Amino acid sequence: GAAQHIVDDDLLRLLNTHGTALLGVCLAAQGFARHFGGKVEPMEHPEMGMRTLRMSYRYPTIGVYGGGKVVMNHRDHIASLPFRWKRYGSTEQSPFALFGHQKMIFSLFHPELEGTESGRDLLRHFLFGMAHCTPDYDYSAETLVTEMIDFIRKAVPEGNIIVGVSGGIDSTCAWKLFQ
């Protein structure tokens, strides 16, 4: 299936030489599990929509994340994990819905979706605890607009700009910035 082609040599080189932290969601979780020796199999009934994730153990690897309601969207499940990988959480249909190894965390659910309970806690832990990112961003609208205008002015230092507006939010905002 599609999960076989997720892992490439450049990504593996980053993991092996730089200790890069990795978060894989849904199909990526399946692809990495398969690549490292786990088994991914089709499900009799796809797991779609809201489910409850129950944590197996409290591991420091996943920080304060405690499970709860999660958004699932997959037709295959992980039947077995690669050697020495740990299960962190499961749903009624997916025994390995949250799992990992060293600086890698994988979830069959979508932590980025609003319906996932405490998904932001898991993402925060990954970004700031595992990947050691610095929370030096500013989400204010003023900062975003200023940065976008500066970026576009550097990309197109002189001349006219033609903006094709599809009616979507991205193209409409880009057009509005230059009025």
N, C-alpha and C. Protein backbone atom coordinates (compact mmCIF):
# COMPACT_ATOMS: atom_id res chain seq x y z
N GLY A 1 0.81 -1.18 0.00
CA GLY A 1 0.00 0.00 0.00
C GLY A 1 0.86 1.26 0.00
N ALA A 2 0.19 2.37 0.14
CA ALA A 2 0.85 3.68 0.10
C ALA A 2 1.82 3.87 1.25
N ALA A 3 1.63 3.18 2.36
CA ALA A 3 2.49 3.35 3.52
C ALA A 3 3.92 2.89 3.25
N GLN A 4 4.14 2.09 2.23
CA GLN A 4 5.47 1.58 1.94
C GLN A 4 6.42 2.66 1.46
N HIS A 5 5.93 3.72 0.88
CA HIS A 5 6.79 4.69 0.20
C HIS A 5 7.00 5.98 0.98
N ILE A 6 6.75 5.98 2.27
CA ILE A 6 6.86 7.18 3.09
C ILE A 6 8.31 7.49 3.46
N VAL A 7 9.09 6.49 3.78
CA VAL A 7 10.42 6.66 4.35
C VAL A 7 11.45 6.73 3.22
N ASP A 8 12.22 7.83 3.18
CA ASP A 8 13.27 7.91 2.17
C ASP A 8 14.64 8.00 2.83
N ASP A 9 15.68 7.81 2.03
CA ASP A 9 17.04 7.74 2.54
C ASP A 9 17.50 9.03 3.20
N ASP A 10 17.10 10.19 2.66
CA ASP A 10 17.52 11.46 3.25
C ASP A 10 16.96 11.63 4.66
N LEU A 11 15.73 11.24 4.85
CA LEU A 11 15.12 11.33 6.17
C LEU A 11 15.81 10.39 7.15
N LEU A 12 16.10 9.18 6.71
CA LEU A 12 16.80 8.24 7.58
C LEU A 12 18.20 8.74 7.94
N ARG A 13 18.86 9.39 7.00
CA ARG A 13 20.19 9.94 7.26
C ARG A 13 20.11 11.04 8.33
N LEU A 14 19.09 11.89 8.26
CA LEU A 14 18.89 12.92 9.29
C LEU A 14 18.68 12.29 10.66
N LEU A 15 17.84 11.27 10.71
CA LEU A 15 17.57 10.59 11.98
C LEU A 15 18.84 9.97 12.56
N ASN A 16 19.62 9.32 11.71
CA ASN A 16 20.79 8.58 12.17
C ASN A 16 22.00 9.45 12.47
N THR A 17 22.17 10.55 11.76
CA THR A 17 23.38 11.35 11.95
C THR A 17 23.19 12.58 12.82
N HIS A 18 21.97 13.10 12.89
CA HIS A 18 21.75 14.34 13.61
C HIS A 18 20.84 14.21 14.82
N GLY A 19 20.29 13.04 15.05
CA GLY A 19 19.40 12.86 16.18
C GLY A 19 18.12 13.65 16.06
N THR A 20 17.70 13.89 14.83
CA THR A 20 16.50 14.66 14.57
C THR A 20 15.29 14.00 15.21
N ALA A 21 14.42 14.79 15.82
CA ALA A 21 13.17 14.27 16.36
C ALA A 21 12.18 14.15 15.21
N LEU A 22 11.29 13.18 15.31
CA LEU A 22 10.35 12.91 14.22
C LEU A 22 8.97 12.64 14.77
N LEU A 23 7.98 13.30 14.18
CA LEU A 23 6.58 13.05 14.49
C LEU A 23 5.92 12.58 13.21
N GLY A 24 5.34 11.38 13.23
CA GLY A 24 4.65 10.84 12.07
C GLY A 24 3.19 10.65 12.39
N VAL A 25 2.32 11.15 11.52
CA VAL A 25 0.88 11.08 11.75
C VAL A 25 0.23 10.23 10.66
N CYS A 26 -0.66 9.35 11.07
CA CYS A 26 -1.52 8.54 10.21
C CYS A 26 -0.70 7.70 9.22
N LEU A 27 -0.71 8.05 7.94
CA LEU A 27 -0.02 7.25 6.94
C LEU A 27 1.49 7.20 7.20
N ALA A 28 2.06 8.29 7.69
CA ALA A 28 3.49 8.30 8.01
C ALA A 28 3.79 7.33 9.16
N ALA A 29 2.89 7.26 10.14
CA ALA A 29 3.07 6.30 11.25
C ALA A 29 3.08 4.88 10.71
N GLN A 30 2.17 4.59 9.81
CA GLN A 30 2.12 3.26 9.21
C GLN A 30 3.38 2.97 8.40
N GLY A 31 3.82 3.97 7.61
CA GLY A 31 5.01 3.78 6.78
C GLY A 31 6.27 3.51 7.58
N PHE A 32 6.45 4.26 8.66
CA PHE A 32 7.64 4.05 9.49
C PHE A 32 7.57 2.72 10.22
N ALA A 33 6.41 2.37 10.73
CA ALA A 33 6.26 1.08 11.41
C ALA A 33 6.63 -0.05 10.46
N ARG A 34 6.12 0.01 9.25
CA ARG A 34 6.41 -1.03 8.25
C ARG A 34 7.90 -1.04 7.89
N HIS A 35 8.46 0.14 7.65
CA HIS A 35 9.86 0.23 7.24
C HIS A 35 10.81 -0.41 8.27
N PHE A 36 10.50 -0.23 9.55
CA PHE A 36 11.38 -0.73 10.60
C PHE A 36 11.01 -2.13 11.10
N GLY A 37 10.10 -2.80 10.41
CA GLY A 37 9.83 -4.20 10.73
C GLY A 37 8.49 -4.50 11.37
N GLY A 38 7.63 -3.51 11.55
CA GLY A 38 6.29 -3.77 12.08
C GLY A 38 5.38 -4.25 10.97
N LYS A 39 4.18 -4.62 11.33
CA LYS A 39 3.21 -5.10 10.35
C LYS A 39 2.03 -4.16 10.27
N VAL A 40 1.67 -3.79 9.04
CA VAL A 40 0.51 -2.95 8.78
C VAL A 40 -0.45 -3.78 7.95
N GLU A 41 -1.70 -3.86 8.42
CA GLU A 41 -2.69 -4.70 7.74
C GLU A 41 -4.00 -3.93 7.53
N PRO A 42 -4.75 -4.30 6.51
CA PRO A 42 -6.06 -3.67 6.30
C PRO A 42 -7.00 -3.99 7.46
N MET A 43 -7.88 -3.04 7.74
CA MET A 43 -8.88 -3.25 8.79
C MET A 43 -10.17 -3.75 8.15
N GLU A 44 -10.89 -4.57 8.86
CA GLU A 44 -12.19 -5.02 8.36
C GLU A 44 -13.15 -3.84 8.27
N HIS A 45 -13.12 -2.97 9.28
CA HIS A 45 -13.94 -1.77 9.31
C HIS A 45 -13.02 -0.57 9.54
N PRO A 46 -12.96 0.37 8.59
CA PRO A 46 -12.09 1.54 8.77
C PRO A 46 -12.40 2.27 10.08
N GLU A 47 -11.38 2.89 10.63
CA GLU A 47 -11.54 3.66 11.87
C GLU A 47 -11.58 5.13 11.48
N MET A 48 -12.79 5.68 11.49
CA MET A 48 -13.00 7.06 11.06
C MET A 48 -13.73 7.82 12.16
N GLY A 49 -13.41 9.10 12.28
CA GLY A 49 -14.13 9.96 13.21
C GLY A 49 -13.56 9.92 14.62
N MET A 50 -14.40 10.28 15.57
CA MET A 50 -13.98 10.40 16.97
C MET A 50 -13.86 9.03 17.63
N ARG A 51 -12.76 8.83 18.32
CA ARG A 51 -12.51 7.62 19.10
C ARG A 51 -11.89 8.05 20.42
N THR A 52 -11.76 7.09 21.35
CA THR A 52 -11.12 7.38 22.63
C THR A 52 -9.77 6.70 22.68
N LEU A 53 -8.73 7.49 22.91
CA LEU A 53 -7.38 6.95 23.05
C LEU A 53 -7.11 6.72 24.53
N ARG A 54 -6.78 5.50 24.86
CA ARG A 54 -6.41 5.15 26.24
C ARG A 54 -4.90 4.94 26.28
N MET A 55 -4.29 5.59 27.24
CA MET A 55 -2.84 5.50 27.37
C MET A 55 -2.46 4.19 28.04
N SER A 56 -1.38 3.58 27.53
CA SER A 56 -0.88 2.34 28.11
C SER A 56 -0.07 2.62 29.36
N TYR A 57 0.82 3.57 29.26
CA TYR A 57 1.71 3.95 30.36
C TYR A 57 2.01 5.42 30.23
N ARG A 58 2.54 5.98 31.28
CA ARG A 58 3.03 7.36 31.23
C ARG A 58 4.51 7.32 30.91
N TYR A 59 4.87 7.74 29.73
CA TYR A 59 6.26 7.79 29.33
C TYR A 59 6.70 9.24 29.25
N PRO A 60 7.91 9.56 29.69
CA PRO A 60 8.41 10.93 29.53
C PRO A 60 8.47 11.33 28.06
N THR A 61 8.57 10.36 27.18
CA THR A 61 8.67 10.62 25.75
C THR A 61 7.49 11.42 25.24
N ILE A 62 6.33 11.25 25.83
CA ILE A 62 5.14 11.95 25.33
C ILE A 62 4.71 13.09 26.25
N GLY A 63 5.51 13.43 27.21
CA GLY A 63 5.24 14.58 28.06
C GLY A 63 3.97 14.43 28.88
N VAL A 64 3.19 15.48 28.92
CA VAL A 64 1.98 15.49 29.75
C VAL A 64 0.76 14.95 29.02
N TYR A 65 0.91 14.55 27.77
CA TYR A 65 -0.24 14.09 27.00
C TYR A 65 -0.88 12.88 27.67
N GLY A 66 -2.20 12.94 27.86
CA GLY A 66 -2.89 11.88 28.60
C GLY A 66 -3.98 11.16 27.83
N GLY A 67 -4.04 11.36 26.51
CA GLY A 67 -5.06 10.67 25.73
C GLY A 67 -6.39 11.40 25.77
N GLY A 68 -7.46 10.66 25.48
CA GLY A 68 -8.81 11.24 25.43
C GLY A 68 -9.40 11.06 24.05
N LYS A 69 -10.30 11.96 23.67
CA LYS A 69 -10.95 11.91 22.36
C LYS A 69 -9.95 12.29 21.28
N VAL A 70 -9.91 11.48 20.21
CA VAL A 70 -9.00 11.73 19.09
C VAL A 70 -9.75 11.55 17.77
N VAL A 71 -9.24 12.19 16.73
CA VAL A 71 -9.82 12.08 15.39
C VAL A 71 -9.00 11.06 14.60
N MET A 72 -9.68 9.98 14.18
CA MET A 72 -9.04 8.92 13.40
C MET A 72 -9.54 8.98 11.96
N ASN A 73 -8.68 8.51 11.03
CA ASN A 73 -9.05 8.50 9.62
C ASN A 73 -8.13 7.54 8.88
N HIS A 74 -8.31 6.24 9.08
CA HIS A 74 -7.45 5.28 8.40
C HIS A 74 -8.18 3.97 8.14
N ARG A 75 -7.71 3.28 7.11
CA ARG A 75 -8.28 2.00 6.71
C ARG A 75 -7.37 0.82 7.04
N ASP A 76 -6.12 1.13 7.39
CA ASP A 76 -5.16 0.10 7.79
C ASP A 76 -4.79 0.32 9.24
N HIS A 77 -4.36 -0.73 9.90
CA HIS A 77 -3.91 -0.56 11.28
C HIS A 77 -2.56 -1.25 11.44
N ILE A 78 -1.89 -0.90 12.50
CA ILE A 78 -0.59 -1.49 12.79
C ILE A 78 -0.85 -2.72 13.64
N ALA A 79 -0.53 -3.88 13.08
CA ALA A 79 -0.79 -5.15 13.76
C ALA A 79 0.32 -5.48 14.75
N SER A 80 1.55 -5.06 14.46
CA SER A 80 2.66 -5.27 15.39
C SER A 80 3.69 -4.17 15.18
N LEU A 81 4.35 -3.81 16.28
CA LEU A 81 5.38 -2.77 16.23
C LEU A 81 6.74 -3.36 15.92
N PRO A 82 7.65 -2.54 15.41
CA PRO A 82 9.03 -2.98 15.26
C PRO A 82 9.64 -3.33 16.63
N PHE A 83 10.67 -4.13 16.61
CA PHE A 83 11.37 -4.58 17.81
C PHE A 83 11.80 -3.38 18.66
N ARG A 84 11.51 -3.44 19.95
CA ARG A 84 11.86 -2.45 20.98
C ARG A 84 11.09 -1.14 20.91
N TRP A 85 10.15 -1.01 20.01
CA TRP A 85 9.32 0.19 20.00
C TRP A 85 8.28 0.05 21.09
N LYS A 86 7.77 1.18 21.59
CA LYS A 86 6.85 1.16 22.73
C LYS A 86 5.46 1.65 22.32
N ARG A 87 4.46 0.97 22.86
CA ARG A 87 3.08 1.42 22.69
C ARG A 87 2.78 2.40 23.80
N TYR A 88 2.25 3.57 23.42
CA TYR A 88 1.86 4.57 24.40
C TYR A 88 0.34 4.60 24.59
N GLY A 89 -0.40 4.35 23.51
CA GLY A 89 -1.85 4.41 23.62
C GLY A 89 -2.54 3.63 22.54
N SER A 90 -3.81 3.28 22.79
CA SER A 90 -4.58 2.50 21.84
C SER A 90 -6.04 2.94 21.86
N THR A 91 -6.74 2.60 20.79
CA THR A 91 -8.19 2.79 20.72
C THR A 91 -8.81 1.39 20.70
N GLU A 92 -10.11 1.35 20.67
CA GLU A 92 -10.79 0.05 20.64
C GLU A 92 -10.40 -0.76 19.41
N GLN A 93 -10.18 -0.10 18.28
CA GLN A 93 -9.83 -0.80 17.04
C GLN A 93 -8.33 -0.86 16.76
N SER A 94 -7.57 0.07 17.29
CA SER A 94 -6.14 0.16 16.96
C SER A 94 -5.29 -0.03 18.21
N PRO A 95 -4.66 -1.21 18.34
CA PRO A 95 -3.85 -1.46 19.53
C PRO A 95 -2.62 -0.55 19.61
N PHE A 96 -2.17 -0.03 18.48
CA PHE A 96 -0.99 0.83 18.45
C PHE A 96 -1.35 2.17 17.81
N ALA A 97 -2.18 2.95 18.48
CA ALA A 97 -2.63 4.23 17.95
C ALA A 97 -1.64 5.35 18.25
N LEU A 98 -0.82 5.19 19.29
CA LEU A 98 0.23 6.14 19.65
C LEU A 98 1.41 5.31 20.11
N PHE A 99 2.55 5.49 19.46
CA PHE A 99 3.71 4.65 19.76
C PHE A 99 4.98 5.39 19.38
N GLY A 100 6.11 4.82 19.74
CA GLY A 100 7.35 5.48 19.39
C GLY A 100 8.59 4.70 19.74
N HIS A 101 9.70 5.33 19.43
CA HIS A 101 11.02 4.76 19.70
C HIS A 101 12.02 5.90 19.71
N GLN A 102 12.78 6.00 20.79
CA GLN A 102 13.78 7.06 20.96
C GLN A 102 13.16 8.43 20.72
N LYS A 103 13.66 9.19 19.73
CA LYS A 103 13.14 10.55 19.49
C LYS A 103 12.08 10.58 18.39
N MET A 104 11.35 9.48 18.27
CA MET A 104 10.30 9.40 17.26
C MET A 104 8.97 9.10 17.95
N ILE A 105 7.93 9.85 17.58
CA ILE A 105 6.58 9.60 18.05
C ILE A 105 5.68 9.45 16.83
N PHE A 106 4.80 8.46 16.89
CA PHE A 106 3.88 8.22 15.78
C PHE A 106 2.46 8.09 16.30
N SER A 107 1.52 8.66 15.56
CA SER A 107 0.12 8.54 15.96
C SER A 107 -0.74 8.23 14.74
N LEU A 108 -1.69 7.32 14.93
CA LEU A 108 -2.66 7.06 13.88
C LEU A 108 -3.75 8.11 13.90
N PHE A 109 -3.86 8.85 15.00
CA PHE A 109 -4.85 9.92 15.08
C PHE A 109 -4.21 11.23 14.65
N HIS A 110 -5.05 12.25 14.53
CA HIS A 110 -4.59 13.55 14.06
C HIS A 110 -4.55 14.55 15.21
N PRO A 111 -3.37 14.77 15.83
CA PRO A 111 -3.28 15.70 16.95
C PRO A 111 -3.51 17.15 16.54
N GLU A 112 -3.35 17.45 15.26
CA GLU A 112 -3.49 18.82 14.79
C GLU A 112 -4.94 19.26 14.63
N LEU A 113 -5.87 18.32 14.63
CA LEU A 113 -7.27 18.67 14.42
C LEU A 113 -7.94 19.10 15.72
N GLU A 114 -8.81 20.06 15.62
CA GLU A 114 -9.46 20.64 16.79
C GLU A 114 -10.22 19.60 17.61
N GLY A 115 -10.77 18.58 16.99
CA GLY A 115 -11.53 17.57 17.71
C GLY A 115 -10.70 16.67 18.60
N THR A 116 -9.38 16.66 18.40
CA THR A 116 -8.51 15.81 19.22
C THR A 116 -8.24 16.51 20.55
N GLU A 117 -8.67 15.85 21.61
CA GLU A 117 -8.51 16.37 22.96
C GLU A 117 -7.03 16.46 23.33
N SER A 118 -6.58 17.61 23.73
CA SER A 118 -5.20 17.85 24.17
C SER A 118 -4.16 17.57 23.09
N GLY A 119 -4.58 17.59 21.83
CA GLY A 119 -3.63 17.37 20.74
C GLY A 119 -2.52 18.40 20.73
N ARG A 120 -2.86 19.63 21.12
CA ARG A 120 -1.84 20.69 21.16
C ARG A 120 -0.78 20.39 22.21
N ASP A 121 -1.16 19.71 23.30
CA ASP A 121 -0.18 19.34 24.32
C ASP A 121 0.85 18.37 23.74
N LEU A 122 0.38 17.41 22.95
CA LEU A 122 1.29 16.46 22.32
C LEU A 122 2.20 17.18 21.32
N LEU A 123 1.63 18.06 20.52
CA LEU A 123 2.44 18.81 19.55
C LEU A 123 3.44 19.73 20.24
N ARG A 124 3.02 20.41 21.32
CA ARG A 124 3.94 21.27 22.08
C ARG A 124 5.10 20.45 22.64
N HIS A 125 4.77 19.29 23.21
CA HIS A 125 5.84 18.46 23.77
C HIS A 125 6.82 18.04 22.68
N PHE A 126 6.28 17.65 21.52
CA PHE A 126 7.17 17.25 20.43
C PHE A 126 8.06 18.42 20.01
N LEU A 127 7.46 19.57 19.75
CA LEU A 127 8.22 20.71 19.25
C LEU A 127 9.24 21.24 20.24
N PHE A 128 8.81 21.46 21.49
CA PHE A 128 9.67 22.14 22.44
C PHE A 128 10.45 21.19 23.35
N GLY A 129 9.92 19.99 23.58
CA GLY A 129 10.60 19.03 24.43
C GLY A 129 11.54 18.10 23.67
N MET A 130 11.07 17.59 22.54
CA MET A 130 11.86 16.62 21.78
C MET A 130 12.70 17.26 20.69
N ALA A 131 12.09 18.15 19.90
CA ALA A 131 12.80 18.76 18.78
C ALA A 131 13.57 20.01 19.20
N HIS A 132 13.37 20.46 20.45
CA HIS A 132 14.07 21.61 21.01
C HIS A 132 13.90 22.88 20.19
N CYS A 133 12.69 23.06 19.63
CA CYS A 133 12.38 24.31 18.94
C CYS A 133 12.24 25.41 19.99
N THR A 134 12.42 26.63 19.56
CA THR A 134 12.28 27.77 20.45
C THR A 134 10.96 28.46 20.15
N PRO A 135 10.16 28.69 21.16
CA PRO A 135 8.88 29.36 20.90
C PRO A 135 9.07 30.87 20.72
N ASP A 136 9.70 31.25 19.62
CA ASP A 136 10.02 32.65 19.38
C ASP A 136 9.13 33.27 18.30
N TYR A 137 7.97 32.73 18.11
CA TYR A 137 7.06 33.22 17.10
C TYR A 137 6.04 34.16 17.73
N ASP A 138 5.36 34.88 16.84
CA ASP A 138 4.32 35.80 17.27
C ASP A 138 3.13 35.59 16.33
N TYR A 139 2.00 35.19 16.88
CA TYR A 139 0.83 34.90 16.06
C TYR A 139 -0.05 36.11 15.80
N SER A 140 0.36 37.27 16.22
CA SER A 140 -0.51 38.44 16.05
C SER A 140 -0.70 38.74 14.57
N ALA A 141 -1.87 39.24 14.23
CA ALA A 141 -2.19 39.57 12.84
C ALA A 141 -1.25 40.64 12.30
N GLU A 142 -0.90 41.61 13.14
CA GLU A 142 -0.02 42.70 12.70
C GLU A 142 1.35 42.16 12.29
N THR A 143 1.90 41.27 13.11
CA THR A 143 3.21 40.69 12.81
C THR A 143 3.15 39.86 11.54
N LEU A 144 2.11 39.06 11.40
CA LEU A 144 1.96 38.22 10.23
C LEU A 144 1.87 39.06 8.96
N VAL A 145 1.07 40.10 8.97
CA VAL A 145 0.93 40.97 7.80
C VAL A 145 2.25 41.64 7.47
N THR A 146 2.94 42.17 8.47
CA THR A 146 4.23 42.83 8.25
C THR A 146 5.24 41.85 7.64
N GLU A 147 5.32 40.65 8.18
CA GLU A 147 6.26 39.64 7.65
C GLU A 147 5.90 39.24 6.23
N MET A 148 4.62 39.10 5.94
CA MET A 148 4.20 38.71 4.58
C MET A 148 4.54 39.80 3.58
N ILE A 149 4.28 41.05 3.93
CA ILE A 149 4.58 42.15 3.02
C ILE A 149 6.09 42.24 2.79
N ASP A 150 6.89 42.12 3.85
CA ASP A 150 8.36 42.14 3.70
C ASP A 150 8.83 41.00 2.80
N PHE A 151 8.27 39.80 3.00
CA PHE A 151 8.66 38.63 2.20
C PHE A 151 8.35 38.87 0.72
N ILE A 152 7.15 39.35 0.44
CA ILE A 152 6.75 39.56 -0.96
C ILE A 152 7.59 40.67 -1.59
N ARG A 153 7.89 41.73 -0.83
CA ARG A 153 8.71 42.83 -1.38
C ARG A 153 10.13 42.36 -1.68
N LYS A 154 10.66 41.45 -0.88
CA LYS A 154 12.00 40.91 -1.16
C LYS A 154 11.96 39.95 -2.35
N ALA A 155 10.87 39.18 -2.47
CA ALA A 155 10.74 38.24 -3.58
C ALA A 155 10.53 38.97 -4.91
N VAL A 156 9.83 40.11 -4.87
CA VAL A 156 9.55 40.91 -6.07
C VAL A 156 9.96 42.35 -5.76
N PRO A 157 11.28 42.64 -5.85
CA PRO A 157 11.76 43.95 -5.43
C PRO A 157 11.31 45.12 -6.31
N GLU A 158 10.97 44.86 -7.57
CA GLU A 158 10.53 45.95 -8.43
C GLU A 158 9.58 45.40 -9.49
N GLY A 159 8.82 46.30 -10.07
CA GLY A 159 7.87 45.89 -11.10
C GLY A 159 6.49 45.65 -10.53
N ASN A 160 5.61 45.22 -11.40
CA ASN A 160 4.23 44.98 -11.02
C ASN A 160 4.03 43.52 -10.61
N ILE A 161 3.00 43.32 -9.83
CA ILE A 161 2.64 41.97 -9.40
C ILE A 161 1.25 41.66 -9.92
N ILE A 162 1.10 40.51 -10.50
CA ILE A 162 -0.22 40.05 -10.93
C ILE A 162 -0.64 38.97 -9.95
N VAL A 163 -1.80 39.14 -9.35
CA VAL A 163 -2.31 38.18 -8.38
C VAL A 163 -3.57 37.54 -8.95
N GLY A 164 -3.53 36.22 -9.10
CA GLY A 164 -4.72 35.48 -9.50
C GLY A 164 -5.51 35.12 -8.26
N VAL A 165 -6.74 35.58 -8.18
CA VAL A 165 -7.56 35.35 -6.99
C VAL A 165 -8.60 34.28 -7.30
N SER A 166 -8.53 33.18 -6.56
CA SER A 166 -9.47 32.08 -6.77
C SER A 166 -10.71 32.25 -5.91
N GLY A 167 -10.65 33.16 -4.97
CA GLY A 167 -11.75 33.31 -4.02
C GLY A 167 -11.43 32.64 -2.70
N GLY A 168 -10.33 31.89 -2.66
CA GLY A 168 -9.88 31.26 -1.43
C GLY A 168 -9.20 32.27 -0.52
N ILE A 169 -8.96 31.88 0.71
CA ILE A 169 -8.40 32.81 1.70
C ILE A 169 -6.97 33.22 1.37
N ASP A 170 -6.13 32.29 0.87
CA ASP A 170 -4.72 32.62 0.61
C ASP A 170 -4.57 33.66 -0.49
N SER A 171 -5.18 33.40 -1.64
CA SER A 171 -5.01 34.34 -2.75
C SER A 171 -5.71 35.68 -2.46
N THR A 172 -6.83 35.64 -1.80
CA THR A 172 -7.54 36.88 -1.46
C THR A 172 -6.72 37.73 -0.50
N CYS A 173 -6.09 37.11 0.50
CA CYS A 173 -5.24 37.86 1.45
C CYS A 173 -4.03 38.44 0.74
N ALA A 174 -3.39 37.67 -0.13
CA ALA A 174 -2.23 38.18 -0.87
C ALA A 174 -2.63 39.39 -1.70
N TRP A 175 -3.77 39.32 -2.35
CA TRP A 175 -4.26 40.44 -3.16
C TRP A 175 -4.55 41.65 -2.28
N LYS A 176 -5.15 41.43 -1.13
CA LYS A 176 -5.53 42.53 -0.24
C LYS A 176 -4.30 43.25 0.33
N LEU A 177 -3.20 42.52 0.53
CA LEU A 177 -1.99 43.12 1.09
C LEU A 177 -1.42 44.22 0.19
N PHE A 178 -1.70 44.18 -1.10
CA PHE A 178 -1.10 45.13 -2.02
C PHE A 178 -2.08 46.16 -2.56
N GLN A 179 -3.19 46.33 -1.91
CA GLN A 179 -4.13 47.38 -2.32
C GLN A 179 -3.81 48.69 -1.65
